[in-house]
N, C-alpha and C. Protein backbone atom coordinates (compact mmCIF):
# COMPACT_ATOMS: atom_id res chain seq x y z
N MET A 1 46.01 190.17 137.93
CA MET A 1 47.33 190.33 138.49
C MET A 1 48.20 189.11 138.21
N ILE A 2 47.64 187.91 138.43
CA ILE A 2 48.39 186.68 138.18
C ILE A 2 48.66 186.52 136.69
N GLY A 3 47.70 186.90 135.86
CA GLY A 3 47.87 186.82 134.41
C GLY A 3 49.00 187.72 133.93
N LYS A 4 49.13 188.92 134.54
CA LYS A 4 50.21 189.83 134.16
C LYS A 4 51.57 189.26 134.55
N LYS A 5 51.63 188.59 135.71
CA LYS A 5 52.89 187.98 136.15
C LYS A 5 53.30 186.85 135.21
N ILE A 6 52.34 186.07 134.78
CA ILE A 6 52.63 184.97 133.87
C ILE A 6 53.13 185.51 132.53
N VAL A 7 52.45 186.53 132.01
CA VAL A 7 52.86 187.13 130.74
C VAL A 7 54.26 187.74 130.87
N LEU A 8 54.53 188.42 131.97
CA LEU A 8 55.84 189.02 132.19
C LEU A 8 56.92 187.93 132.29
N PHE A 9 56.62 186.86 133.01
CA PHE A 9 57.56 185.75 133.14
C PHE A 9 57.86 185.13 131.78
N LEU A 10 56.83 184.89 130.98
CA LEU A 10 57.03 184.31 129.66
C LEU A 10 57.83 185.24 128.75
N LEU A 11 57.59 186.55 128.84
CA LEU A 11 58.36 187.50 128.04
C LEU A 11 59.84 187.50 128.44
N VAL A 12 60.11 187.41 129.73
CA VAL A 12 61.50 187.37 130.19
C VAL A 12 62.18 186.09 129.70
N ILE A 13 61.51 184.97 129.83
CA ILE A 13 62.07 183.70 129.35
C ILE A 13 62.29 183.76 127.85
N PHE A 14 61.33 184.28 127.11
CA PHE A 14 61.45 184.41 125.66
C PHE A 14 62.63 185.31 125.31
N GLY A 15 62.79 186.39 126.02
CA GLY A 15 63.89 187.31 125.75
C GLY A 15 65.25 186.71 126.06
N VAL A 16 65.32 185.94 127.12
CA VAL A 16 66.60 185.34 127.50
C VAL A 16 67.02 184.28 126.49
N PHE A 17 66.09 183.44 126.07
CA PHE A 17 66.46 182.32 125.22
C PHE A 17 66.42 182.63 123.73
N CYS A 18 65.71 183.62 123.30
CA CYS A 18 65.58 183.88 121.87
C CYS A 18 66.49 184.98 121.36
N PHE A 19 66.89 185.89 122.18
CA PHE A 19 67.70 187.01 121.72
C PHE A 19 69.11 186.94 122.28
N THR A 20 69.71 185.78 122.23
CA THR A 20 71.09 185.64 122.68
C THR A 20 71.99 185.47 121.48
N ASN A 21 73.24 185.82 121.63
CA ASN A 21 74.22 185.63 120.57
C ASN A 21 74.91 184.30 120.78
N PHE A 22 75.07 183.57 119.71
CA PHE A 22 75.76 182.30 119.79
C PHE A 22 77.24 182.54 119.53
N SER A 23 78.08 181.98 120.35
CA SER A 23 79.52 182.11 120.13
C SER A 23 80.08 180.70 119.95
N LEU A 24 80.76 180.51 118.85
CA LEU A 24 81.37 179.22 118.56
C LEU A 24 82.80 179.22 119.06
N ALA A 25 83.27 178.09 119.49
CA ALA A 25 84.62 178.00 120.02
C ALA A 25 85.66 178.16 118.91
N VAL A 26 85.35 177.68 117.71
CA VAL A 26 86.28 177.74 116.59
C VAL A 26 85.51 178.24 115.39
N ASN A 27 86.13 179.12 114.63
CA ASN A 27 85.51 179.53 113.38
C ASN A 27 85.66 178.39 112.39
N SER A 28 84.57 177.83 111.98
CA SER A 28 84.63 176.69 111.07
C SER A 28 84.15 177.12 109.70
N THR A 29 84.83 176.60 108.71
CA THR A 29 84.41 176.83 107.34
C THR A 29 83.83 175.55 106.81
N THR A 30 83.16 175.63 105.70
CA THR A 30 82.53 174.45 105.13
C THR A 30 83.58 173.43 104.71
N GLU A 31 84.69 173.90 104.17
CA GLU A 31 85.73 172.98 103.71
C GLU A 31 86.35 172.22 104.88
N SER A 32 86.65 172.92 105.97
CA SER A 32 87.26 172.23 107.11
C SER A 32 86.27 171.27 107.75
N LEU A 33 85.00 171.60 107.73
CA LEU A 33 83.99 170.69 108.27
C LEU A 33 83.91 169.43 107.43
N ILE A 34 83.90 169.59 106.12
CA ILE A 34 83.85 168.42 105.23
C ILE A 34 85.11 167.58 105.38
N ASP A 35 86.26 168.23 105.48
CA ASP A 35 87.52 167.49 105.66
C ASP A 35 87.51 166.71 106.97
N SER A 36 87.02 167.31 108.04
CA SER A 36 86.99 166.60 109.32
C SER A 36 86.01 165.44 109.30
N ILE A 37 84.88 165.60 108.62
CA ILE A 37 83.93 164.50 108.50
C ILE A 37 84.54 163.36 107.69
N ASN A 38 85.21 163.70 106.60
CA ASN A 38 85.84 162.67 105.78
C ASN A 38 86.95 161.95 106.53
N SER A 39 87.73 162.68 107.33
CA SER A 39 88.79 162.03 108.09
C SER A 39 88.21 161.11 109.17
N GLN A 40 87.09 161.50 109.78
CA GLN A 40 86.45 160.62 110.76
C GLN A 40 85.89 159.37 110.10
N ASN A 41 85.29 159.53 108.92
CA ASN A 41 84.77 158.37 108.19
C ASN A 41 85.91 157.43 107.80
N GLN A 42 87.03 157.98 107.36
CA GLN A 42 88.17 157.16 106.97
C GLN A 42 88.73 156.42 108.18
N ALA A 43 88.82 157.09 109.32
CA ALA A 43 89.31 156.44 110.53
C ALA A 43 88.39 155.31 110.95
N PHE A 44 87.08 155.51 110.83
CA PHE A 44 86.13 154.45 111.17
C PHE A 44 86.29 153.27 110.23
N GLU A 45 86.41 153.53 108.94
CA GLU A 45 86.55 152.43 107.98
C GLU A 45 87.83 151.65 108.21
N ASN A 46 88.91 152.33 108.56
CA ASN A 46 90.17 151.63 108.80
C ASN A 46 90.12 150.80 110.08
N SER A 47 89.51 151.31 111.13
CA SER A 47 89.51 150.60 112.40
C SER A 47 88.47 149.48 112.45
N SER A 48 87.38 149.62 111.74
CA SER A 48 86.33 148.61 111.83
C SER A 48 86.40 147.58 110.72
N GLU A 49 87.31 147.74 109.78
CA GLU A 49 87.49 146.82 108.67
C GLU A 49 86.17 146.58 107.95
N VAL A 50 85.53 147.67 107.54
CA VAL A 50 84.26 147.58 106.83
C VAL A 50 84.49 146.88 105.50
N GLY A 51 83.68 145.90 105.21
CA GLY A 51 83.78 145.18 103.94
C GLY A 51 84.75 144.02 103.98
N ALA A 52 85.47 143.83 105.09
CA ALA A 52 86.40 142.72 105.19
C ALA A 52 85.62 141.43 105.42
N PRO A 53 86.05 140.33 104.81
CA PRO A 53 85.33 139.06 105.01
C PRO A 53 85.49 138.57 106.45
N GLN A 54 84.42 138.00 106.97
CA GLN A 54 84.45 137.47 108.33
C GLN A 54 84.12 135.99 108.31
N ASP A 55 84.60 135.31 109.32
CA ASP A 55 84.34 133.89 109.45
C ASP A 55 82.88 133.68 109.84
N ILE A 56 82.28 132.61 109.34
CA ILE A 56 80.86 132.34 109.59
C ILE A 56 80.61 132.08 111.08
N ARG A 57 81.60 131.53 111.78
CA ARG A 57 81.42 131.26 113.22
C ARG A 57 81.26 132.56 114.00
N ILE A 58 82.00 133.58 113.61
CA ILE A 58 81.90 134.89 114.27
C ILE A 58 80.54 135.51 114.00
N ILE A 59 80.06 135.39 112.77
CA ILE A 59 78.75 135.95 112.41
C ILE A 59 77.65 135.27 113.21
N VAL A 60 77.70 133.93 113.29
CA VAL A 60 76.68 133.18 114.04
C VAL A 60 76.74 133.55 115.53
N ALA A 61 77.93 133.70 116.08
CA ALA A 61 78.05 134.08 117.49
C ALA A 61 77.46 135.47 117.74
N LYS A 62 77.68 136.40 116.80
CA LYS A 62 77.09 137.73 116.95
C LYS A 62 75.57 137.67 116.89
N ILE A 63 75.03 136.86 115.99
CA ILE A 63 73.57 136.73 115.88
C ILE A 63 73.00 136.14 117.17
N ILE A 64 73.67 135.14 117.73
CA ILE A 64 73.20 134.53 118.97
C ILE A 64 73.24 135.55 120.11
N LYS A 65 74.29 136.36 120.18
CA LYS A 65 74.38 137.38 121.23
C LYS A 65 73.26 138.41 121.10
N ILE A 66 72.95 138.80 119.88
CA ILE A 66 71.85 139.75 119.67
C ILE A 66 70.53 139.13 120.09
N PHE A 67 70.30 137.88 119.71
CA PHE A 67 69.06 137.18 120.07
C PHE A 67 68.94 137.05 121.59
N LEU A 68 70.03 136.68 122.26
CA LEU A 68 69.98 136.55 123.72
C LEU A 68 69.75 137.89 124.40
N GLY A 69 70.27 138.95 123.84
CA GLY A 69 70.00 140.28 124.39
C GLY A 69 68.53 140.63 124.29
N PHE A 70 67.91 140.31 123.15
CA PHE A 70 66.49 140.58 122.97
C PHE A 70 65.65 139.73 123.92
N VAL A 71 65.98 138.45 124.05
CA VAL A 71 65.23 137.57 124.95
C VAL A 71 65.42 138.02 126.40
N GLY A 72 66.61 138.48 126.75
CA GLY A 72 66.85 139.01 128.09
C GLY A 72 66.00 140.24 128.38
N PHE A 73 65.84 141.09 127.37
CA PHE A 73 64.97 142.26 127.52
C PHE A 73 63.53 141.81 127.77
N LEU A 74 63.07 140.82 127.01
CA LEU A 74 61.70 140.32 127.20
C LEU A 74 61.52 139.71 128.59
N ALA A 75 62.51 138.95 129.06
CA ALA A 75 62.41 138.35 130.39
C ALA A 75 62.39 139.42 131.48
N THR A 76 63.16 140.47 131.30
CA THR A 76 63.15 141.57 132.27
C THR A 76 61.80 142.28 132.27
N ALA A 77 61.24 142.48 131.08
CA ALA A 77 59.91 143.10 130.99
C ALA A 77 58.87 142.21 131.66
N TYR A 78 58.99 140.89 131.49
CA TYR A 78 58.06 139.96 132.12
C TYR A 78 58.20 140.00 133.64
N LEU A 79 59.43 140.18 134.13
CA LEU A 79 59.65 140.31 135.57
C LEU A 79 59.00 141.58 136.10
N VAL A 80 59.11 142.66 135.37
CA VAL A 80 58.47 143.92 135.78
C VAL A 80 56.95 143.75 135.76
N TYR A 81 56.43 143.06 134.75
CA TYR A 81 54.99 142.81 134.68
C TYR A 81 54.53 142.00 135.89
N GLY A 82 55.30 140.98 136.28
CA GLY A 82 54.96 140.19 137.46
C GLY A 82 54.96 141.03 138.72
N GLY A 83 55.94 141.94 138.85
CA GLY A 83 55.98 142.83 140.00
C GLY A 83 54.81 143.78 140.03
N TYR A 84 54.44 144.30 138.86
CA TYR A 84 53.27 145.19 138.77
C TYR A 84 52.00 144.43 139.14
N MET A 85 51.90 143.20 138.65
CA MET A 85 50.72 142.38 138.96
C MET A 85 50.65 142.08 140.46
N TYR A 86 51.81 141.85 141.08
CA TYR A 86 51.85 141.57 142.51
C TYR A 86 51.45 142.81 143.31
N MET A 87 51.93 143.97 142.89
CA MET A 87 51.61 145.20 143.62
C MET A 87 50.15 145.60 143.48
N THR A 88 49.54 145.26 142.37
CA THR A 88 48.14 145.64 142.15
C THR A 88 47.17 144.50 142.44
N SER A 89 47.63 143.48 143.15
CA SER A 89 46.73 142.36 143.45
C SER A 89 45.65 142.75 144.45
N ALA A 90 45.88 143.76 145.25
CA ALA A 90 44.89 144.32 146.19
C ALA A 90 44.33 143.26 147.13
N GLY A 91 45.21 142.40 147.62
CA GLY A 91 44.78 141.40 148.59
C GLY A 91 44.22 140.13 147.98
N ASN A 92 44.09 140.06 146.67
CA ASN A 92 43.61 138.86 146.01
C ASN A 92 44.75 137.83 146.01
N GLU A 93 44.55 136.74 146.77
CA GLU A 93 45.63 135.77 146.95
C GLU A 93 45.96 135.03 145.67
N ASN A 94 44.96 134.71 144.87
CA ASN A 94 45.22 134.00 143.61
C ASN A 94 46.08 134.84 142.66
N ARG A 95 45.75 136.11 142.57
CA ARG A 95 46.51 136.99 141.68
C ARG A 95 47.92 137.22 142.21
N ALA A 96 48.07 137.33 143.52
CA ALA A 96 49.40 137.50 144.12
C ALA A 96 50.24 136.24 143.92
N GLU A 97 49.61 135.07 144.03
CA GLU A 97 50.33 133.82 143.80
C GLU A 97 50.76 133.69 142.34
N ASP A 98 49.88 134.05 141.42
CA ASP A 98 50.23 134.02 140.00
C ASP A 98 51.38 134.99 139.71
N ALA A 99 51.32 136.15 140.32
CA ALA A 99 52.37 137.15 140.11
C ALA A 99 53.71 136.66 140.65
N SER A 100 53.69 136.00 141.81
CA SER A 100 54.95 135.50 142.36
C SER A 100 55.52 134.38 141.49
N LYS A 101 54.65 133.56 140.89
CA LYS A 101 55.13 132.53 139.95
C LYS A 101 55.75 133.18 138.71
N ILE A 102 55.10 134.23 138.20
CA ILE A 102 55.64 134.94 137.04
C ILE A 102 57.02 135.51 137.36
N MET A 103 57.16 136.11 138.54
CA MET A 103 58.45 136.69 138.90
C MET A 103 59.51 135.60 139.09
N LEU A 104 59.14 134.47 139.67
CA LEU A 104 60.08 133.37 139.87
C LEU A 104 60.56 132.83 138.53
N TYR A 105 59.61 132.55 137.63
CA TYR A 105 59.98 131.98 136.33
C TYR A 105 60.77 132.96 135.48
N SER A 106 60.43 134.22 135.54
CA SER A 106 61.19 135.19 134.76
C SER A 106 62.59 135.39 135.35
N ALA A 107 62.73 135.32 136.67
CA ALA A 107 64.06 135.42 137.28
C ALA A 107 64.91 134.21 136.89
N LEU A 108 64.32 133.02 136.88
CA LEU A 108 65.05 131.84 136.42
C LEU A 108 65.42 131.97 134.94
N GLY A 109 64.52 132.51 134.16
CA GLY A 109 64.81 132.73 132.74
C GLY A 109 65.96 133.70 132.55
N ILE A 110 65.98 134.77 133.34
CA ILE A 110 67.08 135.73 133.25
C ILE A 110 68.40 135.07 133.63
N PHE A 111 68.38 134.22 134.65
CA PHE A 111 69.60 133.50 135.04
C PHE A 111 70.09 132.60 133.91
N ILE A 112 69.18 131.86 133.29
CA ILE A 112 69.55 130.97 132.18
C ILE A 112 70.07 131.78 130.99
N ILE A 113 69.43 132.90 130.71
CA ILE A 113 69.86 133.75 129.60
C ILE A 113 71.25 134.32 129.86
N LEU A 114 71.51 134.76 131.09
CA LEU A 114 72.84 135.28 131.42
C LEU A 114 73.91 134.20 131.31
N ALA A 115 73.58 132.98 131.75
CA ALA A 115 74.54 131.89 131.63
C ALA A 115 74.83 131.57 130.17
N SER A 116 73.79 131.50 129.36
CA SER A 116 74.01 131.20 127.94
C SER A 116 74.73 132.35 127.24
N TYR A 117 74.47 133.58 127.66
CA TYR A 117 75.17 134.73 127.08
C TYR A 117 76.65 134.67 127.42
N SER A 118 76.97 134.29 128.66
CA SER A 118 78.38 134.22 129.04
C SER A 118 79.09 133.10 128.28
N ILE A 119 78.42 131.97 128.07
CA ILE A 119 79.01 130.89 127.28
C ILE A 119 79.23 131.34 125.84
N THR A 120 78.23 131.99 125.27
CA THR A 120 78.36 132.48 123.90
C THR A 120 79.48 133.51 123.79
N ASN A 121 79.60 134.38 124.76
CA ASN A 121 80.66 135.38 124.75
C ASN A 121 82.04 134.72 124.85
N PHE A 122 82.16 133.69 125.67
CA PHE A 122 83.42 132.96 125.79
C PHE A 122 83.79 132.29 124.47
N VAL A 123 82.82 131.62 123.85
CA VAL A 123 83.08 130.96 122.57
C VAL A 123 83.43 131.98 121.50
N TYR A 124 82.72 133.11 121.49
CA TYR A 124 82.99 134.17 120.51
C TYR A 124 84.41 134.69 120.65
N LYS A 125 84.83 134.96 121.87
CA LYS A 125 86.19 135.48 122.08
C LYS A 125 87.23 134.41 121.76
N SER A 126 86.93 133.14 122.01
CA SER A 126 87.86 132.07 121.66
C SER A 126 88.02 131.97 120.15
N PHE A 127 86.90 132.04 119.42
CA PHE A 127 86.97 132.01 117.96
C PHE A 127 87.76 133.20 117.44
N GLN A 128 87.49 134.35 117.99
CA GLN A 128 88.16 135.56 117.53
C GLN A 128 89.66 135.48 117.80
N ALA A 129 90.05 134.98 118.97
CA ALA A 129 91.47 134.85 119.29
C ALA A 129 92.14 133.83 118.40
N SER A 130 91.45 132.72 118.11
CA SER A 130 92.05 131.71 117.24
C SER A 130 92.21 132.23 115.82
N LEU A 131 91.26 133.03 115.36
CA LEU A 131 91.38 133.60 114.02
C LEU A 131 92.52 134.61 113.96
N GLU A 132 92.68 135.43 114.99
CA GLU A 132 93.78 136.38 115.01
C GLU A 132 95.12 135.67 115.09
N GLN A 133 95.17 134.57 115.85
CA GLN A 133 96.40 133.80 115.96
C GLN A 133 96.73 133.15 114.62
N THR A 134 95.73 132.66 113.92
CA THR A 134 95.94 132.05 112.61
C THR A 134 96.45 133.08 111.61
N GLN A 135 95.91 134.28 111.66
CA GLN A 135 96.34 135.33 110.73
C GLN A 135 97.76 135.77 111.01
N THR A 136 98.15 135.87 112.29
CA THR A 136 99.52 136.28 112.60
C THR A 136 100.50 135.15 112.35
N THR A 137 100.10 133.89 112.51
CA THR A 137 100.97 132.76 112.27
C THR A 137 101.29 132.64 110.78
N GLY A 138 100.33 132.93 109.95
CA GLY A 138 100.55 132.84 108.51
C GLY A 138 101.54 133.86 108.01
N SER A 139 101.66 135.00 108.64
CA SER A 139 102.58 136.05 108.19
C SER A 139 103.88 136.04 108.98
N GLN A 140 104.05 135.08 109.88
CA GLN A 140 105.22 135.04 110.75
C GLN A 140 106.41 134.45 110.00
N ASN A 141 107.62 134.95 110.29
CA ASN A 141 108.83 134.41 109.70
C ASN A 141 109.11 133.04 110.29
N SER A 142 109.64 132.14 109.48
CA SER A 142 109.93 130.81 109.99
C SER A 142 111.23 130.85 110.78
N GLY A 143 111.28 130.10 111.86
CA GLY A 143 112.49 129.98 112.64
C GLY A 143 112.61 130.99 113.76
N GLY A 144 111.70 131.89 113.92
CA GLY A 144 111.81 132.90 114.96
C GLY A 144 110.53 133.04 115.74
N THR A 145 110.61 133.73 116.85
CA THR A 145 109.43 133.99 117.65
C THR A 145 108.96 135.40 117.34
N ASN A 146 107.70 135.55 117.04
CA ASN A 146 107.16 136.86 116.66
C ASN A 146 106.71 137.58 117.92
N PHE A 147 107.36 138.69 118.25
CA PHE A 147 106.97 139.49 119.39
C PHE A 147 105.92 140.49 118.98
N SER A 148 105.27 141.12 119.97
CA SER A 148 104.18 142.05 119.67
C SER A 148 104.65 143.29 118.93
N ASN A 149 105.92 143.67 119.06
CA ASN A 149 106.39 144.87 118.37
C ASN A 149 106.94 144.57 116.98
N GLY A 150 106.85 143.32 116.54
CA GLY A 150 107.26 142.96 115.19
C GLY A 150 108.68 142.44 115.10
N ASN A 151 109.46 142.47 116.18
CA ASN A 151 110.82 141.95 116.15
C ASN A 151 110.79 140.44 116.25
N SER A 152 111.78 139.81 115.69
CA SER A 152 111.86 138.36 115.79
C SER A 152 113.18 137.96 116.41
N PHE A 153 113.18 136.87 117.11
CA PHE A 153 114.36 136.37 117.79
C PHE A 153 114.74 135.05 117.14
N ARG A 154 116.00 134.95 116.73
CA ARG A 154 116.47 133.70 116.14
C ARG A 154 117.68 133.22 116.93
N PRO A 155 117.62 131.99 117.44
CA PRO A 155 118.76 131.47 118.23
C PRO A 155 119.95 131.12 117.36
């Protein structure tokens, strides 16, 4: 009896999910799909400046941020390991003490990593702002103030 119910249930589920009609919101053709993919790729290339030269300071700051993110992940994993070790100490005082030291040191490590990440992020944004300011200053008209909308004011 239970076997028949299971078979019937599986047949109903199979029928519901396998014999349905798919309805698309828009009739798409291959050409329009290719055109939309190409337009998205072009928009990405224009906005991200793919292939544009970058300053070495920006590249180094990005590498440092990636490294700090990885080290932060490791410190968080070490904190979880210390918590697991503490929970499974089963009354063993030495193991609980070791686990609490692991959690303390990993929490301090996470604090140091967050502080260094914030310093790196500040320096990165400062470099980026100075480079953008240098690029706009080079193209600015002499004798006027360059506003954000491109107008200039001359006294």
